[in-house]
Amino acid sequence: MSAGLNLAQLQAVHSTGGPRLVLAGPGSGKTREITHKIAHLIEKGLEPRRIAANKAIQPNPSTPCGSA
Protein backbone atom coordinates (compact mmCIF):
# COMPACT_ATOMS: atom_id res chain seq x y z
CA MET A 1 0.00 0.00 0.00
CA SER A 2 2.86 2.42 0.65
CA ALA A 3 4.51 2.23 -2.77
CA GLY A 4 6.04 5.50 -3.86
CA LEU A 5 6.01 7.21 -0.44
CA ASN A 6 9.11 8.56 1.26
CA LEU A 7 9.80 8.21 4.99
CA ALA A 8 8.14 11.51 5.97
CA GLN A 9 5.04 10.61 3.96
CA LEU A 10 4.88 7.14 5.51
CA GLN A 11 5.09 8.68 8.97
CA ALA A 12 2.22 11.03 8.09
CA VAL A 13 0.11 8.16 6.74
CA HIS A 14 0.56 6.15 9.95
CA SER A 15 0.25 9.05 12.39
CA THR A 16 -2.82 9.23 14.59
CA GLY A 17 -4.42 11.79 16.83
CA GLY A 18 -6.62 14.07 14.81
CA PRO A 19 -6.74 16.30 11.76
CA ARG A 20 -3.68 16.84 9.60
CA LEU A 21 -2.54 19.65 7.31
CA VAL A 22 -0.21 18.80 4.43
CA LEU A 23 1.80 21.69 3.01
CA ALA A 24 4.34 20.99 0.27
CA GLY A 25 5.44 22.18 -3.13
CA PRO A 26 4.22 21.07 -6.54
CA GLY A 27 4.97 17.47 -7.49
CA SER A 28 5.94 16.47 -3.95
CA GLY A 29 3.31 13.74 -3.56
CA LYS A 30 0.61 15.47 -1.49
CA THR A 31 -2.27 13.75 -3.29
CA ARG A 32 -0.56 10.35 -3.03
CA GLU A 33 0.03 10.89 0.69
CA ILE A 34 -3.56 11.96 1.32
CA THR A 35 -5.07 9.03 -0.59
CA HIS A 36 -2.80 6.57 1.22
CA LYS A 37 -3.82 8.15 4.55
CA ILE A 38 -7.50 7.72 3.70
CA ALA A 39 -6.94 4.09 2.66
CA HIS A 40 -5.03 3.44 5.89
CA LEU A 41 -7.83 4.94 8.01
CA ILE A 42 -10.42 2.76 6.25
CA GLU A 43 -8.23 -0.35 6.68
CA LYS A 44 -8.02 0.44 10.41
CA GLY A 45 -11.82 0.43 10.62
CA LEU A 46 -12.78 4.10 10.35
CA GLU A 47 -16.05 4.54 8.51
CA PRO A 48 -15.48 6.31 5.17
CA ARG A 49 -18.36 8.71 5.90
CA ARG A 50 -16.34 10.04 8.87
CA ILE A 51 -13.41 11.08 6.65
CA ALA A 52 -13.19 14.57 5.17
CA ALA A 53 -10.41 15.55 2.78
CA ASN A 54 -9.89 18.76 0.89
CA LYS A 55 -7.18 19.66 -1.59
CA ALA A 56 -6.78 23.32 -2.43
CA ILE A 57 -4.41 24.75 -5.00
CA GLN A 58 -3.02 28.22 -5.38
CA PRO A 59 -3.93 29.68 -8.77
CA ASN A 60 -1.05 30.18 -11.17
CA PRO A 61 -1.04 33.83 -12.27
CA SER A 62 0.88 33.00 -15.47
CA THR A 63 -2.00 30.95 -16.91
CA PRO A 64 -5.15 32.42 -18.49
CA CYS A 65 -7.77 33.30 -15.88
CA GLY A 66 -5.51 31.87 -13.16
CA SER A 67 -6.50 28.30 -14.06
CA ALA A 68 -4.24 25.59 -12.76
PDB file of N, CA and C in Angstrom:
ATOM      1  N   MET A   1       0.813  -1.200   0.000  1.00  0.00           N
ATOM      2  CA  MET A   1       0.000   0.000   0.000  1.00  0.00           C
ATOM      3  C   MET A   1       0.850   1.255   0.000  1.00  0.00           C
ATOM      4  N   SER A   2       2.059   1.205   0.486  1.00  0.00           N
ATOM      5  CA  SER A   2       2.856   2.416   0.653  1.00  0.00           C
ATOM      6  C   SER A   2       3.846   2.652  -0.483  1.00  0.00           C
ATOM      7  N   ALA A   3       3.603   2.061  -1.644  1.00  0.00           N
ATOM      8  CA  ALA A   3       4.510   2.228  -2.772  1.00  0.00           C
ATOM      9  C   ALA A   3       4.606   3.692  -3.188  1.00  0.00           C
ATOM     10  N   GLY A   4       5.833   4.143  -3.371  1.00  0.00           N
ATOM     11  CA  GLY A   4       6.039   5.497  -3.856  1.00  0.00           C
ATOM     12  C   GLY A   4       6.058   6.578  -2.791  1.00  0.00           C
ATOM     13  N   LEU A   5       5.981   6.210  -1.516  1.00  0.00           N
ATOM     14  CA  LEU A   5       6.012   7.211  -0.443  1.00  0.00           C
ATOM     15  C   LEU A   5       7.389   7.242   0.196  1.00  0.00           C
ATOM     16  N   ASN A   6       7.843   8.450   0.549  1.00  0.00           N
ATOM     17  CA  ASN A   6       9.111   8.559   1.263  1.00  0.00           C
ATOM     18  C   ASN A   6       8.864   8.401   2.763  1.00  0.00           C
ATOM     19  N   LEU A   7       9.921   8.454   3.556  1.00  0.00           N
ATOM     20  CA  LEU A   7       9.798   8.208   4.988  1.00  0.00           C
ATOM     21  C   LEU A   7       8.865   9.209   5.670  1.00  0.00           C
ATOM     22  N   ALA A   8       8.996  10.490   5.350  1.00  0.00           N
ATOM     23  CA  ALA A   8       8.140  11.507   5.969  1.00  0.00           C
ATOM     24  C   ALA A   8       6.672  11.274   5.616  1.00  0.00           C
ATOM     25  N   GLN A   9       6.412  10.886   4.372  1.00  0.00           N
ATOM     26  CA  GLN A   9       5.039  10.610   3.958  1.00  0.00           C
ATOM     27  C   GLN A   9       4.500   9.376   4.666  1.00  0.00           C
ATOM     28  N   LEU A  10       5.312   8.342   4.793  1.00  0.00           N
ATOM     29  CA  LEU A  10       4.878   7.137   5.509  1.00  0.00           C
ATOM     30  C   LEU A  10       4.547   7.458   6.964  1.00  0.00           C
ATOM     31  N   GLN A  11       5.359   8.302   7.589  1.00  0.00           N
ATOM     32  CA  GLN A  11       5.088   8.685   8.974  1.00  0.00           C
ATOM     33  C   GLN A  11       3.762   9.433   9.062  1.00  0.00           C
ATOM     34  N   ALA A  12       3.484  10.290   8.092  1.00  0.00           N
ATOM     35  CA  ALA A  12       2.225  11.029   8.086  1.00  0.00           C
ATOM     36  C   ALA A  12       1.034  10.091   7.883  1.00  0.00           C
ATOM     37  N   VAL A  13       1.188   9.119   7.002  1.00  0.00           N
ATOM     38  CA  VAL A  13       0.107   8.157   6.739  1.00  0.00           C
ATOM     39  C   VAL A  13      -0.231   7.374   8.002  1.00  0.00           C
ATOM     40  N   HIS A  14       0.774   6.989   8.774  1.00  0.00           N
ATOM     41  CA  HIS A  14       0.558   6.147   9.947  1.00  0.00           C
ATOM     42  C   HIS A  14       0.374   6.922  11.244  1.00  0.00           C
ATOM     43  N   SER A  15       0.445   8.253  11.184  1.00  0.00           N
ATOM     44  CA  SER A  15       0.252   9.054  12.392  1.00  0.00           C
ATOM     45  C   SER A  15      -1.218   9.045  12.799  1.00  0.00           C
ATOM     46  N   THR A  16      -1.458   9.200  14.084  1.00  0.00           N
ATOM     47  CA  THR A  16      -2.820   9.235  14.592  1.00  0.00           C
ATOM     48  C   THR A  16      -2.987  10.451  15.493  1.00  0.00           C
ATOM     49  N   GLY A  17      -4.206  10.730  15.865  1.00  0.00           N
ATOM     50  CA  GLY A  17      -4.419  11.788  16.835  1.00  0.00           C
ATOM     51  C   GLY A  17      -5.151  13.007  16.339  1.00  0.00           C
ATOM     52  N   GLY A  18      -5.815  12.927  15.214  1.00  0.00           N
ATOM     53  CA  GLY A  18      -6.622  14.066  14.813  1.00  0.00           C
ATOM     54  C   GLY A  18      -6.337  14.563  13.410  1.00  0.00           C
ATOM     55  N   PRO A  19      -6.869  15.730  13.107  1.00  0.00           N
ATOM     56  CA  PRO A  19      -6.742  16.303  11.761  1.00  0.00           C
ATOM     57  C   PRO A  19      -5.282  16.582  11.391  1.00  0.00           C
ATOM     58  N   ARG A  20      -5.021  16.571  10.112  1.00  0.00           N
ATOM     59  CA  ARG A  20      -3.676  16.843   9.604  1.00  0.00           C
ATOM     60  C   ARG A  20      -3.756  17.878   8.488  1.00  0.00           C
ATOM     61  N   LEU A  21      -2.693  18.684   8.380  1.00  0.00           N
ATOM     62  CA  LEU A  21      -2.544  19.650   7.313  1.00  0.00           C
ATOM     63  C   LEU A  21      -1.273  19.292   6.568  1.00  0.00           C
ATOM     64  N   VAL A  22      -1.372  19.144   5.252  1.00  0.00           N
ATOM     65  CA  VAL A  22      -0.213  18.796   4.430  1.00  0.00           C
ATOM     66  C   VAL A  22       0.131  20.004   3.571  1.00  0.00           C
ATOM     67  N   LEU A  23       1.309  20.554   3.800  1.00  0.00           N
ATOM     68  CA  LEU A  23       1.803  21.686   3.015  1.00  0.00           C
ATOM     69  C   LEU A  23       3.089  21.268   2.329  1.00  0.00           C
ATOM     70  N   ALA A  24       3.136  21.367   1.015  1.00  0.00           N
ATOM     71  CA  ALA A  24       4.340  20.992   0.274  1.00  0.00           C
ATOM     72  C   ALA A  24       4.253  21.584  -1.128  1.00  0.00           C
ATOM     73  N   GLY A  25       5.367  21.606  -1.793  1.00  0.00           N
ATOM     74  CA  GLY A  25       5.439  22.184  -3.128  1.00  0.00           C
ATOM     75  C   GLY A  25       4.843  21.289  -4.205  1.00  0.00           C
ATOM     76  N   PRO A  26       4.777  21.820  -5.424  1.00  0.00           N
ATOM     77  CA  PRO A  26       4.217  21.066  -6.544  1.00  0.00           C
ATOM     78  C   PRO A  26       5.030  19.802  -6.833  1.00  0.00           C
ATOM     79  N   GLY A  27       4.318  18.721  -7.116  1.00  0.00           N
ATOM     80  CA  GLY A  27       4.969  17.469  -7.487  1.00  0.00           C
ATOM     81  C   GLY A  27       5.613  16.720  -6.334  1.00  0.00           C
ATOM     82  N   SER A  28       5.289  17.100  -5.109  1.00  0.00           N
ATOM     83  CA  SER A  28       5.935  16.475  -3.955  1.00  0.00           C
ATOM     84  C   SER A  28       5.208  15.238  -3.440  1.00  0.00           C
ATOM     85  N   GLY A  29       4.028  14.942  -3.967  1.00  0.00           N
ATOM     86  CA  GLY A  29       3.306  13.739  -3.556  1.00  0.00           C
ATOM     87  C   GLY A  29       2.203  13.964  -2.543  1.00  0.00           C
ATOM     88  N   LYS A  30       1.683  15.182  -2.466  1.00  0.00           N
ATOM     89  CA  LYS A  30       0.612  15.471  -1.491  1.00  0.00           C
ATOM     90  C   LYS A  30      -0.624  14.613  -1.739  1.00  0.00           C
ATOM     91  N   THR A  31      -1.068  14.536  -2.975  1.00  0.00           N
ATOM     92  CA  THR A  31      -2.271  13.750  -3.287  1.00  0.00           C
ATOM     93  C   THR A  31      -2.041  12.279  -2.974  1.00  0.00           C
ATOM     94  N   ARG A  32      -0.883  11.756  -3.329  1.00  0.00           N
ATOM     95  CA  ARG A  32      -0.563  10.348  -3.034  1.00  0.00           C
ATOM     96  C   ARG A  32      -0.593  10.113  -1.521  1.00  0.00           C
ATOM     97  N   GLU A  33       0.009  11.026  -0.769  1.00  0.00           N
ATOM     98  CA  GLU A  33       0.035  10.887   0.689  1.00  0.00           C
ATOM     99  C   GLU A  33      -1.376  10.912   1.267  1.00  0.00           C
ATOM    100  N   ILE A  34      -2.192  11.835   0.804  1.00  0.00           N
ATOM    101  CA  ILE A  34      -3.563  11.962   1.316  1.00  0.00           C
ATOM    102  C   ILE A  34      -4.390  10.719   0.995  1.00  0.00           C
ATOM    103  N   THR A  35      -4.280  10.222  -0.235  1.00  0.00           N
ATOM    104  CA  THR A  35      -5.069   9.030  -0.593  1.00  0.00           C
ATOM    105  C   THR A  35      -4.597   7.802   0.177  1.00  0.00           C
ATOM    106  N   HIS A  36      -3.294   7.685   0.413  1.00  0.00           N
ATOM    107  CA  HIS A  36      -2.796   6.574   1.225  1.00  0.00           C
ATOM    108  C   HIS A  36      -3.279   6.703   2.664  1.00  0.00           C
ATOM    109  N   LYS A  37      -3.326   7.923   3.181  1.00  0.00           N
ATOM    110  CA  LYS A  37      -3.817   8.152   4.547  1.00  0.00           C
ATOM    111  C   LYS A  37      -5.277   7.725   4.662  1.00  0.00           C
ATOM    112  N   ILE A  38      -6.078   8.092   3.686  1.00  0.00           N
ATOM    113  CA  ILE A  38      -7.497   7.720   3.702  1.00  0.00           C
ATOM    114  C   ILE A  38      -7.644   6.201   3.649  1.00  0.00           C
ATOM    115  N   ALA A  39      -6.888   5.558   2.759  1.00  0.00           N
ATOM    116  CA  ALA A  39      -6.945   4.090   2.660  1.00  0.00           C
ATOM    117  C   ALA A  39      -6.534   3.446   3.977  1.00  0.00           C
ATOM    118  N   HIS A  40      -5.502   3.980   4.611  1.00  0.00           N
ATOM    119  CA  HIS A  40      -5.030   3.444   5.892  1.00  0.00           C
ATOM    120  C   HIS A  40      -6.112   3.573   6.969  1.00  0.00           C
ATOM    121  N   LEU A  41      -6.768   4.731   7.017  1.00  0.00           N
ATOM    122  CA  LEU A  41      -7.832   4.936   8.005  1.00  0.00           C
ATOM    123  C   LEU A  41      -8.972   3.937   7.805  1.00  0.00           C
ATOM    124  N   ILE A  42      -9.343   3.711   6.555  1.00  0.00           N
ATOM    125  CA  ILE A  42     -10.418   2.758   6.255  1.00  0.00           C
ATOM    126  C   ILE A  42      -9.989   1.343   6.635  1.00  0.00           C
ATOM    127  N   GLU A  43      -8.740   0.978   6.311  1.00  0.00           N
ATOM    128  CA  GLU A  43      -8.229  -0.350   6.683  1.00  0.00           C
ATOM    129  C   GLU A  43      -8.233  -0.553   8.197  1.00  0.00           C
ATOM    130  N   LYS A  44      -8.024   0.521   8.949  1.00  0.00           N
ATOM    131  CA  LYS A  44      -8.020   0.438  10.408  1.00  0.00           C
ATOM    132  C   LYS A  44      -9.428   0.461  10.999  1.00  0.00           C
ATOM    133  N   GLY A  45     -10.459   0.552  10.143  1.00  0.00           N
ATOM    134  CA  GLY A  45     -11.823   0.433  10.625  1.00  0.00           C
ATOM    135  C   GLY A  45     -12.620   1.724  10.701  1.00  0.00           C
ATOM    136  N   LEU A  46     -12.028   2.848  10.328  1.00  0.00           N
ATOM    137  CA  LEU A  46     -12.779   4.096  10.351  1.00  0.00           C
ATOM    138  C   LEU A  46     -13.798   4.093   9.217  1.00  0.00           C
ATOM    139  N   GLU A  47     -15.011   4.485   9.532  1.00  0.00           N
ATOM    140  CA  GLU A  47     -16.055   4.537   8.514  1.00  0.00           C
ATOM    141  C   GLU A  47     -15.732   5.631   7.498  1.00  0.00           C
ATOM    142  N   PRO A  48     -15.795   5.310   6.201  1.00  0.00           N
ATOM    143  CA  PRO A  48     -15.483   6.313   5.175  1.00  0.00           C
ATOM    144  C   PRO A  48     -16.301   7.598   5.310  1.00  0.00           C
ATOM    145  N   ARG A  49     -17.529   7.507   5.785  1.00  0.00           N
ATOM    146  CA  ARG A  49     -18.355   8.709   5.901  1.00  0.00           C
ATOM    147  C   ARG A  49     -17.842   9.656   6.989  1.00  0.00           C
ATOM    148  N   ARG A  50     -16.908   9.194   7.813  1.00  0.00           N
ATOM    149  CA  ARG A  50     -16.335  10.037   8.869  1.00  0.00           C
ATOM    150  C   ARG A  50     -15.029  10.711   8.430  1.00  0.00           C
ATOM    151  N   ILE A  51     -14.657  10.521   7.165  1.00  0.00           N
ATOM    152  CA  ILE A  51     -13.409  11.084   6.654  1.00  0.00           C
ATOM    153  C   ILE A  51     -13.732  12.272   5.755  1.00  0.00           C
ATOM    154  N   ALA A  52     -13.066  13.384   6.014  1.00  0.00           N
ATOM    155  CA  ALA A  52     -13.193  14.570   5.167  1.00  0.00           C
ATOM    156  C   ALA A  52     -11.804  14.932   4.662  1.00  0.00           C
ATOM    157  N   ALA A  53     -11.690  15.145   3.375  1.00  0.00           N
ATOM    158  CA  ALA A  53     -10.414  15.550   2.779  1.00  0.00           C
ATOM    159  C   ALA A  53     -10.675  16.682   1.808  1.00  0.00           C
ATOM    160  N   ASN A  54      -9.756  17.629   1.779  1.00  0.00           N
ATOM    161  CA  ASN A  54      -9.891  18.765   0.885  1.00  0.00           C
ATOM    162  C   ASN A  54      -8.518  19.086   0.326  1.00  0.00           C
ATOM    163  N   LYS A  55      -8.441  19.272  -0.974  1.00  0.00           N
ATOM    164  CA  LYS A  55      -7.180  19.659  -1.595  1.00  0.00           C
ATOM    165  C   LYS A  55      -7.394  20.993  -2.288  1.00  0.00           C
ATOM    166  N   ALA A  56      -6.682  21.983  -1.832  1.00  0.00           N
ATOM    167  CA  ALA A  56      -6.782  23.315  -2.430  1.00  0.00           C
ATOM    168  C   ALA A  56      -5.486  23.622  -3.156  1.00  0.00           C
ATOM    169  N   ILE A  57      -5.596  24.338  -4.259  1.00  0.00           N
ATOM    170  CA  ILE A  57      -4.410  24.745  -4.996  1.00  0.00           C
ATOM    171  C   ILE A  57      -4.377  26.254  -5.079  1.00  0.00           C
ATOM    172  N   GLN A  58      -3.180  26.773  -5.194  1.00  0.00           N
ATOM    173  CA  GLN A  58      -3.018  28.216  -5.380  1.00  0.00           C
ATOM    174  C   GLN A  58      -3.031  28.487  -6.872  1.00  0.00           C
ATOM    175  N   PRO A  59      -3.873  29.409  -7.329  1.00  0.00           N
ATOM    176  CA  PRO A  59      -3.928  29.683  -8.772  1.00  0.00           C
ATOM    177  C   PRO A  59      -2.573  30.155  -9.295  1.00  0.00           C
ATOM    178  N   ASN A  60      -2.286  29.794 -10.511  1.00  0.00           N
ATOM    179  CA  ASN A  60      -1.054  30.182 -11.172  1.00  0.00           C
ATOM    180  C   ASN A  60      -1.318  31.453 -11.975  1.00  0.00           C
ATOM    181  N   PRO A  61      -0.751  32.577 -11.583  1.00  0.00           N
ATOM    182  CA  PRO A  61      -1.042  33.834 -12.269  1.00  0.00           C
ATOM    183  C   PRO A  61      -0.537  33.889 -13.709  1.00  0.00           C
ATOM    184  N   SER A  62       0.343  32.959 -14.105  1.00  0.00           N
ATOM    185  CA  SER A  62       0.882  32.995 -15.473  1.00  0.00           C
ATOM    186  C   SER A  62      -0.003  32.254 -16.466  1.00  0.00           C
ATOM    187  N   THR A  63      -1.084  31.642 -16.013  1.00  0.00           N
ATOM    188  CA  THR A  63      -1.999  30.954 -16.912  1.00  0.00           C
ATOM    189  C   THR A  63      -3.252  31.790 -17.113  1.00  0.00           C
ATOM    190  N   PRO A  64      -3.940  31.625 -18.232  1.00  0.00           N
ATOM    191  CA  PRO A  64      -5.147  32.416 -18.487  1.00  0.00           C
ATOM    192  C   PRO A  64      -6.183  32.230 -17.398  1.00  0.00           C
ATOM    193  N   CYS A  65      -6.726  33.301 -16.907  1.00  0.00           N
ATOM    194  CA  CYS A  65      -7.775  33.298 -15.878  1.00  0.00           C
ATOM    195  C   CYS A  65      -7.316  32.655 -14.573  1.00  0.00           C
ATOM    196  N   GLY A  66      -6.022  32.473 -14.392  1.00  0.00           N
ATOM    197  CA  GLY A  66      -5.511  31.870 -13.165  1.00  0.00           C
ATOM    198  C   GLY A  66      -5.810  30.395 -13.044  1.00  0.00           C
ATOM    199  N   SER A  67      -6.182  29.737 -14.145  1.00  0.00           N
ATOM    200  CA  SER A  67      -6.504  28.295 -14.064  1.00  0.00           C
ATOM    201  C   SER A  67      -5.237  27.488 -13.827  1.00  0.00           C
ATOM    202  N   ALA A  68      -5.408  26.407 -13.100  1.00  0.00           N
ATOM    203  CA  ALA A  68      -4.242  25.589 -12.758  1.00  0.00           C
ATOM    204  C   ALA A  68      -3.952  24.573 -13.829  1.00  0.00           C
TER     205      ALA A  68
END
